[in-house]
Amino acid sequence: MNFSSYDDDLDNNLNELLDSFNKKINVIEVQNIYVYFFYIIQHTCDIYKRIIVPLTNGVLLKENLMTEIVKNRNESGHRFNVSGIYNYNFDTTNLSEFLNNGKDMDEYKTVENITYKNSIDFFEHHNSLFVFLTNEKNKNTKKSVATIKHKTLKSH
């Protein structure tokens, strides 16, 4: 059986489908993104939240991101610290390249303005920000209590 002709047919069908899709593409400015908060407790993610955050001219402002982090850093009686921020922006218009290579997420070491490029309207809901939060270690401090030992001498 010759699989190369099957492969060629599949490639041709995929290219026809992509051409048809490309004619219907509307590229728009991203208005809102999903922000996912993943709460990591003892190396396990048991809880997550998803909120919608509006962008200003395609930019998630540092102040808005800080506000959302502060509002969402307490959960289930624990206080969490940011351990990672990653964004995903579906900004490609070459779908065949995307299908072959995928798209990496961008990592941010600090809270800063995050720009989202224009996106295909059909995939706008994939534009997201992922915030990983780890729980603070309990700060158990030992109270140092000086014990005074009173020794009395017994007389014989």
N, C-alpha and C. Protein backbone atom coordinates (compact mmCIF):
# COMPACT_ATOMS: atom_id res chain seq x y z
N MET A 1 0.84 -1.19 0.00
CA MET A 1 0.00 0.00 0.00
C MET A 1 0.88 1.24 0.00
N ASN A 2 0.56 2.21 -0.80
CA ASN A 2 1.36 3.41 -0.93
C ASN A 2 0.75 4.51 -0.05
N PHE A 3 1.44 4.83 1.04
CA PHE A 3 0.95 5.84 1.97
C PHE A 3 1.29 7.26 1.53
N SER A 4 2.27 7.41 0.68
CA SER A 4 2.66 8.75 0.27
C SER A 4 1.55 9.45 -0.51
N SER A 5 0.79 8.72 -1.31
CA SER A 5 -0.32 9.35 -2.04
C SER A 5 -1.42 9.74 -1.05
N TYR A 6 -1.62 8.94 -0.03
CA TYR A 6 -2.60 9.27 1.01
C TYR A 6 -2.17 10.53 1.76
N ASP A 7 -0.88 10.62 2.05
CA ASP A 7 -0.32 11.80 2.71
C ASP A 7 -0.51 13.05 1.85
N ASP A 8 -0.26 12.92 0.55
CA ASP A 8 -0.42 14.05 -0.36
C ASP A 8 -1.88 14.50 -0.42
N ASP A 9 -2.79 13.53 -0.47
CA ASP A 9 -4.23 13.86 -0.49
C ASP A 9 -4.63 14.58 0.79
N LEU A 10 -4.12 14.11 1.90
CA LEU A 10 -4.44 14.73 3.19
C LEU A 10 -3.90 16.15 3.24
N ASP A 11 -2.67 16.36 2.76
CA ASP A 11 -2.09 17.70 2.72
C ASP A 11 -2.90 18.62 1.82
N ASN A 12 -3.31 18.11 0.65
CA ASN A 12 -4.11 18.93 -0.27
C ASN A 12 -5.45 19.30 0.35
N ASN A 13 -6.10 18.34 1.00
CA ASN A 13 -7.39 18.62 1.64
C ASN A 13 -7.23 19.63 2.77
N LEU A 14 -6.17 19.50 3.53
CA LEU A 14 -5.91 20.44 4.63
C LEU A 14 -5.64 21.83 4.07
N ASN A 15 -4.86 21.92 3.01
CA ASN A 15 -4.57 23.23 2.41
C ASN A 15 -5.83 23.87 1.84
N GLU A 16 -6.72 23.08 1.22
CA GLU A 16 -7.98 23.62 0.71
C GLU A 16 -8.85 24.14 1.86
N LEU A 17 -8.89 23.38 2.94
CA LEU A 17 -9.67 23.80 4.11
C LEU A 17 -9.10 25.08 4.71
N LEU A 18 -7.79 25.16 4.81
CA LEU A 18 -7.14 26.36 5.35
C LEU A 18 -7.37 27.56 4.44
N ASP A 19 -7.29 27.37 3.13
CA ASP A 19 -7.55 28.47 2.20
C ASP A 19 -8.98 28.98 2.36
N SER A 20 -9.91 28.06 2.49
CA SER A 20 -11.30 28.45 2.69
C SER A 20 -11.47 29.21 4.00
N PHE A 21 -10.80 28.74 5.04
CA PHE A 21 -10.86 29.40 6.34
C PHE A 21 -10.21 30.77 6.30
N ASN A 22 -9.06 30.88 5.62
CA ASN A 22 -8.33 32.14 5.52
C ASN A 22 -9.15 33.23 4.85
N LYS A 23 -10.05 32.86 3.95
CA LYS A 23 -10.90 33.85 3.28
C LYS A 23 -11.92 34.43 4.25
N LYS A 24 -12.24 33.72 5.32
CA LYS A 24 -13.26 34.15 6.28
C LYS A 24 -12.67 34.74 7.55
N ILE A 25 -11.35 34.85 7.62
CA ILE A 25 -10.68 35.31 8.84
C ILE A 25 -10.94 36.80 9.06
N ASN A 26 -11.28 37.13 10.29
CA ASN A 26 -11.35 38.52 10.73
C ASN A 26 -10.33 38.70 11.84
N VAL A 27 -9.37 39.57 11.59
CA VAL A 27 -8.36 39.85 12.61
C VAL A 27 -8.85 41.05 13.40
N ILE A 28 -8.91 40.89 14.73
CA ILE A 28 -9.46 41.94 15.58
C ILE A 28 -8.49 42.25 16.72
N GLU A 29 -8.71 43.40 17.33
CA GLU A 29 -7.95 43.75 18.53
C GLU A 29 -8.56 42.99 19.70
N VAL A 30 -7.72 42.42 20.52
CA VAL A 30 -8.18 41.65 21.68
C VAL A 30 -8.74 42.62 22.71
N GLN A 31 -9.99 42.39 23.12
CA GLN A 31 -10.67 43.27 24.07
C GLN A 31 -10.61 42.76 25.51
N ASN A 32 -10.72 41.44 25.67
CA ASN A 32 -10.74 40.81 26.99
C ASN A 32 -9.88 39.55 26.95
N ILE A 33 -9.38 39.18 28.10
CA ILE A 33 -8.65 37.91 28.21
C ILE A 33 -9.16 37.15 29.43
N TYR A 34 -8.93 35.86 29.41
CA TYR A 34 -9.17 35.05 30.60
C TYR A 34 -7.90 35.05 31.42
N VAL A 35 -8.04 35.28 32.71
CA VAL A 35 -6.91 35.15 33.63
C VAL A 35 -7.21 33.95 34.51
N TYR A 36 -6.32 32.98 34.49
CA TYR A 36 -6.46 31.77 35.29
C TYR A 36 -5.52 31.87 36.48
N PHE A 37 -6.05 31.65 37.67
CA PHE A 37 -5.24 31.59 38.88
C PHE A 37 -5.18 30.12 39.31
N PHE A 38 -3.97 29.57 39.34
CA PHE A 38 -3.76 28.20 39.78
C PHE A 38 -3.12 28.24 41.16
N TYR A 39 -3.78 27.63 42.13
CA TYR A 39 -3.32 27.64 43.52
C TYR A 39 -2.59 26.32 43.80
N ILE A 40 -1.29 26.44 44.07
CA ILE A 40 -0.45 25.27 44.29
C ILE A 40 -0.21 25.12 45.79
N ILE A 41 -0.68 24.00 46.33
CA ILE A 41 -0.48 23.69 47.75
C ILE A 41 0.28 22.38 47.82
N GLN A 42 1.43 22.41 48.40
CA GLN A 42 2.31 21.24 48.53
C GLN A 42 2.50 20.55 47.18
N HIS A 43 2.89 21.32 46.19
CA HIS A 43 3.22 20.85 44.84
C HIS A 43 2.03 20.24 44.09
N THR A 44 0.82 20.55 44.51
CA THR A 44 -0.37 20.03 43.85
C THR A 44 -1.33 21.18 43.58
N CYS A 45 -1.89 21.19 42.40
CA CYS A 45 -2.86 22.22 42.05
C CYS A 45 -4.26 21.65 42.27
N ASP A 46 -4.87 22.02 43.38
CA ASP A 46 -6.20 21.53 43.69
C ASP A 46 -7.29 22.54 43.36
N ILE A 47 -6.94 23.81 43.28
CA ILE A 47 -7.92 24.86 43.11
C ILE A 47 -7.48 25.78 41.97
N TYR A 48 -8.43 26.24 41.18
CA TYR A 48 -8.13 27.28 40.20
C TYR A 48 -9.35 28.16 40.03
N LYS A 49 -9.12 29.38 39.57
CA LYS A 49 -10.17 30.34 39.27
C LYS A 49 -9.94 30.88 37.88
N ARG A 50 -11.03 31.24 37.21
CA ARG A 50 -10.92 31.90 35.91
C ARG A 50 -11.76 33.17 35.95
N ILE A 51 -11.15 34.29 35.60
CA ILE A 51 -11.86 35.55 35.56
C ILE A 51 -11.62 36.21 34.20
N ILE A 52 -12.51 37.10 33.83
CA ILE A 52 -12.35 37.86 32.59
C ILE A 52 -11.86 39.25 32.95
N VAL A 53 -10.80 39.68 32.29
CA VAL A 53 -10.22 41.00 32.55
C VAL A 53 -10.20 41.78 31.24
N PRO A 54 -10.74 43.00 31.25
CA PRO A 54 -10.70 43.82 30.03
C PRO A 54 -9.30 44.39 29.79
N LEU A 55 -8.97 44.58 28.52
CA LEU A 55 -7.69 45.17 28.14
C LEU A 55 -7.91 46.62 27.72
N THR A 56 -6.87 47.39 27.80
CA THR A 56 -6.89 48.78 27.35
C THR A 56 -6.03 48.88 26.09
N ASN A 57 -6.67 49.04 24.95
CA ASN A 57 -5.97 49.10 23.66
C ASN A 57 -5.05 47.91 23.46
N GLY A 58 -5.55 46.73 23.80
CA GLY A 58 -4.77 45.50 23.60
C GLY A 58 -3.70 45.26 24.64
N VAL A 59 -3.72 46.01 25.76
CA VAL A 59 -2.68 45.87 26.79
C VAL A 59 -3.34 45.59 28.14
N LEU A 60 -2.83 44.57 28.82
CA LEU A 60 -3.21 44.32 30.20
C LEU A 60 -2.27 45.18 31.04
N LEU A 61 -2.84 46.20 31.65
CA LEU A 61 -2.01 47.14 32.41
C LEU A 61 -1.50 46.52 33.70
N LYS A 62 -0.29 46.90 34.06
CA LYS A 62 0.36 46.41 35.28
C LYS A 62 -0.53 46.64 36.50
N GLU A 63 -1.15 47.81 36.59
CA GLU A 63 -2.00 48.15 37.75
C GLU A 63 -3.20 47.22 37.83
N ASN A 64 -3.82 46.93 36.68
CA ASN A 64 -4.98 46.03 36.66
C ASN A 64 -4.58 44.61 37.05
N LEU A 65 -3.43 44.16 36.57
CA LEU A 65 -2.96 42.82 36.91
C LEU A 65 -2.65 42.73 38.40
N MET A 66 -1.97 43.75 38.95
CA MET A 66 -1.66 43.75 40.39
C MET A 66 -2.95 43.72 41.22
N THR A 67 -3.95 44.50 40.80
CA THR A 67 -5.23 44.53 41.51
C THR A 67 -5.85 43.14 41.54
N GLU A 68 -5.87 42.45 40.40
CA GLU A 68 -6.46 41.11 40.34
C GLU A 68 -5.66 40.10 41.17
N ILE A 69 -4.35 40.22 41.16
CA ILE A 69 -3.52 39.30 41.96
C ILE A 69 -3.79 39.51 43.44
N VAL A 70 -3.84 40.77 43.88
CA VAL A 70 -4.09 41.06 45.30
C VAL A 70 -5.49 40.57 45.70
N LYS A 71 -6.48 40.77 44.82
CA LYS A 71 -7.85 40.33 45.14
C LYS A 71 -7.96 38.81 45.23
N ASN A 72 -7.13 38.10 44.49
CA ASN A 72 -7.28 36.65 44.39
C ASN A 72 -6.16 35.85 45.04
N ARG A 73 -5.32 36.49 45.84
CA ARG A 73 -4.20 35.73 46.41
C ARG A 73 -4.55 35.00 47.70
N ASN A 74 -5.70 35.26 48.27
CA ASN A 74 -6.16 34.50 49.44
C ASN A 74 -7.23 33.52 48.99
N GLU A 75 -7.07 32.26 49.36
CA GLU A 75 -8.03 31.24 48.97
C GLU A 75 -8.02 30.12 49.99
N SER A 76 -9.21 29.71 50.40
CA SER A 76 -9.38 28.58 51.33
C SER A 76 -8.57 28.75 52.61
N GLY A 77 -8.50 29.95 53.11
CA GLY A 77 -7.79 30.20 54.35
C GLY A 77 -6.28 30.25 54.22
N HIS A 78 -5.77 30.20 53.01
CA HIS A 78 -4.33 30.28 52.77
C HIS A 78 -4.01 31.57 52.04
N ARG A 79 -2.82 32.06 52.26
CA ARG A 79 -2.32 33.21 51.53
C ARG A 79 -1.27 32.72 50.55
N PHE A 80 -1.33 33.19 49.32
CA PHE A 80 -0.47 32.70 48.26
C PHE A 80 0.41 33.81 47.70
N ASN A 81 1.57 33.41 47.17
CA ASN A 81 2.50 34.31 46.50
C ASN A 81 2.62 33.89 45.04
N VAL A 82 2.85 34.84 44.17
CA VAL A 82 3.00 34.55 42.75
C VAL A 82 4.32 33.81 42.51
N SER A 83 4.22 32.68 41.82
CA SER A 83 5.44 31.94 41.51
C SER A 83 5.70 31.87 40.01
N GLY A 84 4.71 32.28 39.20
CA GLY A 84 4.92 32.30 37.75
C GLY A 84 3.78 33.00 37.05
N ILE A 85 4.11 33.74 35.99
CA ILE A 85 3.12 34.41 35.16
C ILE A 85 3.45 34.07 33.70
N TYR A 86 2.46 33.53 32.99
CA TYR A 86 2.63 33.13 31.60
C TYR A 86 1.45 33.65 30.80
N ASN A 87 1.73 34.13 29.59
CA ASN A 87 0.60 34.53 28.76
C ASN A 87 0.61 33.77 27.45
N TYR A 88 -0.57 33.64 26.90
CA TYR A 88 -0.74 32.97 25.62
C TYR A 88 -1.53 33.91 24.73
N ASN A 89 -0.97 34.24 23.58
CA ASN A 89 -1.63 35.13 22.64
C ASN A 89 -1.71 34.42 21.29
N PHE A 90 -2.92 34.07 20.90
CA PHE A 90 -3.12 33.42 19.60
C PHE A 90 -3.10 34.50 18.54
N ASP A 91 -1.90 34.87 18.09
CA ASP A 91 -1.76 36.00 17.18
C ASP A 91 -1.32 35.58 15.77
N THR A 92 -1.30 34.30 15.52
CA THR A 92 -0.84 33.83 14.22
C THR A 92 -1.98 33.84 13.21
N THR A 93 -1.66 34.15 11.98
CA THR A 93 -2.65 34.03 10.91
C THR A 93 -2.29 32.91 9.96
N ASN A 94 -1.13 32.30 10.16
CA ASN A 94 -0.71 31.17 9.35
C ASN A 94 -1.05 29.89 10.10
N LEU A 95 -2.25 29.37 9.84
CA LEU A 95 -2.72 28.23 10.62
C LEU A 95 -1.96 26.95 10.32
N SER A 96 -1.49 26.76 9.10
CA SER A 96 -0.75 25.54 8.81
C SER A 96 0.57 25.51 9.58
N GLU A 97 1.22 26.68 9.71
CA GLU A 97 2.44 26.75 10.53
C GLU A 97 2.11 26.47 11.99
N PHE A 98 0.99 27.01 12.46
CA PHE A 98 0.58 26.77 13.84
C PHE A 98 0.31 25.28 14.08
N LEU A 99 -0.36 24.63 13.14
CA LEU A 99 -0.66 23.20 13.29
C LEU A 99 0.62 22.37 13.33
N ASN A 100 1.63 22.79 12.59
CA ASN A 100 2.89 22.03 12.55
C ASN A 100 3.80 22.33 13.73
N ASN A 101 3.83 23.58 14.19
CA ASN A 101 4.81 23.98 15.20
C ASN A 101 4.22 24.35 16.55
N GLY A 102 2.94 24.67 16.59
CA GLY A 102 2.34 25.10 17.85
C GLY A 102 2.75 26.53 18.19
N LYS A 103 2.48 26.93 19.40
CA LYS A 103 2.79 28.30 19.86
C LYS A 103 3.23 28.20 21.30
N ASP A 104 4.33 28.85 21.61
CA ASP A 104 4.84 28.85 22.98
C ASP A 104 4.19 29.96 23.79
N MET A 105 4.20 29.77 25.09
CA MET A 105 3.74 30.82 25.99
C MET A 105 4.93 31.70 26.36
N ASP A 106 4.61 32.95 26.68
CA ASP A 106 5.64 33.88 27.13
C ASP A 106 5.63 33.92 28.65
N GLU A 107 6.83 33.92 29.25
CA GLU A 107 6.96 33.95 30.71
C GLU A 107 7.37 35.35 31.15
N TYR A 108 6.78 35.78 32.27
CA TYR A 108 7.12 37.08 32.85
C TYR A 108 7.66 36.85 34.25
N LYS A 109 8.78 37.45 34.54
CA LYS A 109 9.42 37.31 35.86
C LYS A 109 8.84 38.30 36.86
N THR A 110 8.29 39.41 36.37
CA THR A 110 7.72 40.43 37.24
C THR A 110 6.36 40.84 36.68
N VAL A 111 5.59 41.52 37.50
CA VAL A 111 4.31 42.05 37.04
C VAL A 111 4.61 43.30 36.21
N GLU A 112 4.13 43.29 34.97
CA GLU A 112 4.38 44.39 34.06
C GLU A 112 3.23 44.47 33.06
N ASN A 113 3.23 45.53 32.24
CA ASN A 113 2.23 45.63 31.17
C ASN A 113 2.44 44.48 30.20
N ILE A 114 1.36 43.83 29.79
CA ILE A 114 1.44 42.71 28.86
C ILE A 114 0.61 43.06 27.64
N THR A 115 1.27 43.11 26.47
CA THR A 115 0.60 43.47 25.23
C THR A 115 0.12 42.23 24.51
N TYR A 116 -1.13 42.28 24.07
CA TYR A 116 -1.71 41.21 23.27
C TYR A 116 -1.87 41.71 21.85
N LYS A 117 -1.26 41.00 20.90
CA LYS A 117 -1.36 41.37 19.49
C LYS A 117 -2.74 41.02 18.97
N ASN A 118 -3.09 41.59 17.83
CA ASN A 118 -4.38 41.29 17.21
C ASN A 118 -4.51 39.79 16.98
N SER A 119 -5.75 39.31 17.05
CA SER A 119 -6.00 37.88 17.00
C SER A 119 -7.13 37.58 16.03
N ILE A 120 -7.18 36.37 15.56
CA ILE A 120 -8.30 35.91 14.74
C ILE A 120 -9.52 35.84 15.65
N ASP A 121 -10.64 36.43 15.20
CA ASP A 121 -11.83 36.51 16.06
C ASP A 121 -12.31 35.14 16.51
N PHE A 122 -12.15 34.13 15.68
CA PHE A 122 -12.59 32.79 16.02
C PHE A 122 -11.81 32.20 17.20
N PHE A 123 -10.56 32.65 17.39
CA PHE A 123 -9.69 32.11 18.44
C PHE A 123 -9.45 33.11 19.57
N GLU A 124 -10.20 34.20 19.60
CA GLU A 124 -9.96 35.25 20.60
C GLU A 124 -10.06 34.71 22.03
N HIS A 125 -10.95 33.77 22.27
CA HIS A 125 -11.15 33.25 23.62
C HIS A 125 -9.96 32.42 24.12
N HIS A 126 -8.99 32.15 23.25
CA HIS A 126 -7.79 31.42 23.68
C HIS A 126 -6.70 32.34 24.24
N ASN A 127 -6.85 33.65 24.07
CA ASN A 127 -5.88 34.59 24.61
C ASN A 127 -6.04 34.61 26.12
N SER A 128 -5.00 34.21 26.82
CA SER A 128 -5.12 34.00 28.27
C SER A 128 -3.85 34.40 29.00
N LEU A 129 -4.02 34.56 30.30
CA LEU A 129 -2.89 34.78 31.20
C LEU A 129 -3.01 33.75 32.31
N PHE A 130 -1.90 33.11 32.64
CA PHE A 130 -1.88 32.08 33.67
C PHE A 130 -1.00 32.56 34.82
N VAL A 131 -1.60 32.62 36.00
CA VAL A 131 -0.86 33.06 37.19
C VAL A 131 -0.80 31.87 38.15
N PHE A 132 0.41 31.43 38.47
CA PHE A 132 0.61 30.32 39.40
C PHE A 132 0.93 30.91 40.77
N LEU A 133 0.18 30.46 41.76
CA LEU A 133 0.35 30.97 43.13
C LEU A 133 0.68 29.80 44.04
N THR A 134 1.72 29.95 44.85
CA THR A 134 2.09 28.91 45.81
C THR A 134 1.81 29.42 47.21
N ASN A 135 1.45 28.48 48.08
CA ASN A 135 1.10 28.91 49.44
C ASN A 135 2.34 29.30 50.23
N GLU A 136 2.13 30.27 51.11
CA GLU A 136 3.22 30.70 51.98
C GLU A 136 3.47 29.63 53.01
N LYS A 137 4.69 29.43 53.29
CA LYS A 137 5.02 28.47 54.35
C LYS A 137 4.63 29.10 55.68
N ASN A 138 4.11 28.25 56.53
CA ASN A 138 3.76 28.76 57.86
C ASN A 138 5.03 29.22 58.56
N LYS A 139 4.95 30.37 59.10
CA LYS A 139 6.11 30.93 59.78
C LYS A 139 5.97 30.66 61.27
N ASN A 140 6.34 29.46 61.62
CA ASN A 140 6.30 29.07 63.03
C ASN A 140 7.59 29.49 63.69
N THR A 141 7.46 30.40 64.57
CA THR A 141 8.65 30.83 65.29
C THR A 141 8.52 30.35 66.72
N LYS A 142 9.61 29.88 67.21
CA LYS A 142 9.60 29.42 68.60
C LYS A 142 9.76 30.62 69.51
N LYS A 143 8.94 30.63 70.47
CA LYS A 143 9.03 31.70 71.44
C LYS A 143 10.12 31.30 72.43
N SER A 144 11.09 32.13 72.54
CA SER A 144 12.17 31.78 73.46
C SER A 144 11.79 32.28 74.85
N VAL A 145 11.61 31.32 75.67
CA VAL A 145 11.28 31.64 77.06
C VAL A 145 12.46 31.23 77.92
N ALA A 146 12.98 32.20 78.58
CA ALA A 146 14.11 31.91 79.45
C ALA A 146 13.56 31.27 80.74
N THR A 147 14.00 30.08 80.98
CA THR A 147 13.56 29.43 82.21
C THR A 147 14.60 29.68 83.29
N ILE A 148 14.13 30.17 84.35
CA ILE A 148 15.01 30.46 85.47
C ILE A 148 14.90 29.29 86.43
N LYS A 149 16.02 28.71 86.65
CA LYS A 149 16.04 27.58 87.58
C LYS A 149 16.50 28.09 88.93
N HIS A 150 15.62 27.97 89.87
CA HIS A 150 15.96 28.37 91.24
C HIS A 150 16.48 27.15 91.98
N LYS A 151 17.69 27.22 92.30
CA LYS A 151 18.28 26.10 93.05
C LYS A 151 18.53 26.59 94.47
N THR A 152 18.09 25.77 95.35
CA THR A 152 18.38 26.09 96.75
C THR A 152 19.34 25.05 97.30
N LEU A 153 20.16 25.50 98.14
CA LEU A 153 21.10 24.59 98.77
C LEU A 153 20.48 24.10 100.09
N LYS A 154 20.53 22.81 100.25
CA LYS A 154 20.02 22.26 101.51
C LYS A 154 21.15 22.21 102.49
N SER A 155 20.84 22.58 103.69
CA SER A 155 21.85 22.50 104.72
C SER A 155 21.71 21.15 105.43
N HIS A 156 22.78 20.56 105.74
CA HIS A 156 22.78 19.27 106.42
C HIS A 156 22.83 19.41 107.87
